[in-house]
Amino acid sequence: MRPVTRDMLRQVSIVACLAGLATAAVFFVATFNGTPTPQWMPMLIAMVGGFELVQWGQGLWFARSRRRS
């Protein structure tokens, strides 16, 4: 198994961000048009948003630890 690098984490974060934005756009367009949406869709959007917040916080943590060493 290869070690996880910052570039790989950045790529996963970008893909998750794009997937979350696309899902949120579909949800809001469907809601605006009055189309029923699945009950799991807001949870999926919140999950992707939470993942992005964790990645952002981890990036800040790593940047701070690099400055201190």
C-alpha atoms as a PDB file:
ATOM      1  CA  MET A   1       0.000   0.000   0.000  1.00  0.00           C
ATOM      2  CA  ARG A   2       1.347   3.413  -0.976  1.00  0.00           C
ATOM      3  CA  PRO A   3       1.588   6.167   1.632  1.00  0.00           C
ATOM      4  CA  VAL A   4      -0.940   8.964   1.350  1.00  0.00           C
ATOM      5  CA  THR A   5       0.601  12.219   0.182  1.00  0.00           C
ATOM      6  CA  ARG A   6      -0.715  15.765   0.406  1.00  0.00           C
ATOM      7  CA  ASP A   7      -1.312  15.787  -3.348  1.00  0.00           C
ATOM      8  CA  MET A   8      -3.536  12.709  -3.097  1.00  0.00           C
ATOM      9  CA  LEU A   9      -5.508  14.254  -0.235  1.00  0.00           C
ATOM     10  CA  ARG A  10      -5.886  17.466  -2.223  1.00  0.00           C
ATOM     11  CA  GLN A  11      -7.226  15.513  -5.214  1.00  0.00           C
ATOM     12  CA  VAL A  12      -9.741  13.654  -3.039  1.00  0.00           C
ATOM     13  CA  SER A  13     -10.814  16.953  -1.514  1.00  0.00           C
ATOM     14  CA  ILE A  14     -11.345  18.512  -4.954  1.00  0.00           C
ATOM     15  CA  VAL A  15     -13.403  15.545  -6.156  1.00  0.00           C
ATOM     16  CA  ALA A  16     -15.497  15.613  -2.969  1.00  0.00           C
ATOM     17  CA  CYS A  17     -16.040  19.358  -3.348  1.00  0.00           C
ATOM     18  CA  LEU A  18     -17.197  18.995  -6.956  1.00  0.00           C
ATOM     19  CA  ALA A  19     -19.481  16.081  -6.073  1.00  0.00           C
ATOM     20  CA  GLY A  20     -20.963  18.041  -3.168  1.00  0.00           C
ATOM     21  CA  LEU A  21     -21.552  21.138  -5.288  1.00  0.00           C
ATOM     22  CA  ALA A  22     -23.183  19.094  -8.049  1.00  0.00           C
ATOM     23  CA  THR A  23     -25.416  17.274  -5.554  1.00  0.00           C
ATOM     24  CA  ALA A  24     -26.405  20.529  -3.860  1.00  0.00           C
ATOM     25  CA  ALA A  25     -27.185  22.106  -7.242  1.00  0.00           C
ATOM     26  CA  VAL A  26     -29.406  19.166  -8.211  1.00  0.00           C
ATOM     27  CA  PHE A  27     -31.159  19.345  -4.840  1.00  0.00           C
ATOM     28  CA  PHE A  28     -31.857  23.085  -5.037  1.00  0.00           C
ATOM     29  CA  VAL A  29     -32.996  22.947  -8.668  1.00  0.00           C
ATOM     30  CA  ALA A  30     -35.342  20.066  -7.856  1.00  0.00           C
ATOM     31  CA  THR A  31     -36.680  21.895  -4.795  1.00  0.00           C
ATOM     32  CA  PHE A  32     -37.146  25.109  -6.799  1.00  0.00           C
ATOM     33  CA  ASN A  33     -39.071  23.215  -9.495  1.00  0.00           C
ATOM     34  CA  GLY A  34     -41.258  21.456  -6.935  1.00  0.00           C
ATOM     35  CA  THR A  35     -39.905  18.013  -7.795  1.00  0.00           C
ATOM     36  CA  PRO A  36     -39.786  15.637  -4.826  1.00  0.00           C
ATOM     37  CA  THR A  37     -36.254  14.860  -3.686  1.00  0.00           C
ATOM     38  CA  PRO A  38     -35.026  11.772  -1.849  1.00  0.00           C
ATOM     39  CA  GLN A  39     -34.823  12.107   1.920  1.00  0.00           C
ATOM     40  CA  TRP A  40     -31.176  11.034   1.918  1.00  0.00           C
ATOM     41  CA  MET A  41     -30.003  13.863  -0.342  1.00  0.00           C
ATOM     42  CA  PRO A  42     -29.654  16.580   2.359  1.00  0.00           C
ATOM     43  CA  MET A  43     -27.741  14.071   4.502  1.00  0.00           C
ATOM     44  CA  LEU A  44     -25.367  13.366   1.623  1.00  0.00           C
ATOM     45  CA  ILE A  45     -24.766  17.081   1.104  1.00  0.00           C
ATOM     46  CA  ALA A  46     -24.102  17.535   4.844  1.00  0.00           C
ATOM     47  CA  MET A  47     -21.728  14.557   4.828  1.00  0.00           C
ATOM     48  CA  VAL A  48     -19.676  15.969   1.955  1.00  0.00           C
ATOM     49  CA  GLY A  49     -19.642  19.386   3.639  1.00  0.00           C
ATOM     50  CA  GLY A  50     -18.430  17.811   6.882  1.00  0.00           C
ATOM     51  CA  PHE A  51     -15.681  15.979   5.028  1.00  0.00           C
ATOM     52  CA  GLU A  52     -14.569  19.240   3.462  1.00  0.00           C
ATOM     53  CA  LEU A  53     -14.508  20.974   6.862  1.00  0.00           C
ATOM     54  CA  VAL A  54     -12.341  18.181   8.282  1.00  0.00           C
ATOM     55  CA  GLN A  55      -9.970  18.428   5.315  1.00  0.00           C
ATOM     56  CA  TRP A  56      -9.758  22.203   5.720  1.00  0.00           C
ATOM     57  CA  GLY A  57      -9.042  21.900   9.454  1.00  0.00           C
ATOM     58  CA  GLN A  58      -6.445  19.225   8.818  1.00  0.00           C
ATOM     59  CA  GLY A  59      -4.749  21.478   6.268  1.00  0.00           C
ATOM     60  CA  LEU A  60      -4.575  24.278   8.832  1.00  0.00           C
ATOM     61  CA  TRP A  61      -3.209  21.863  11.422  1.00  0.00           C
ATOM     62  CA  PHE A  62      -0.489  20.584   9.071  1.00  0.00           C
ATOM     63  CA  ALA A  63       0.464  24.122   8.027  1.00  0.00           C
ATOM     64  CA  ARG A  64       0.787  25.151  11.665  1.00  0.00           C
ATOM     65  CA  SER A  65       2.895  22.110  12.532  1.00  0.00           C
ATOM     66  CA  ARG A  66       5.221  22.782   9.572  1.00  0.00           C
ATOM     67  CA  ARG A  67       5.776  26.372  10.732  1.00  0.00           C
ATOM     68  CA  ARG A  68       6.636  25.285  14.272  1.00  0.00           C
ATOM     69  CA  SER A  69       9.212  22.676  13.251  1.00  0.00           C
END
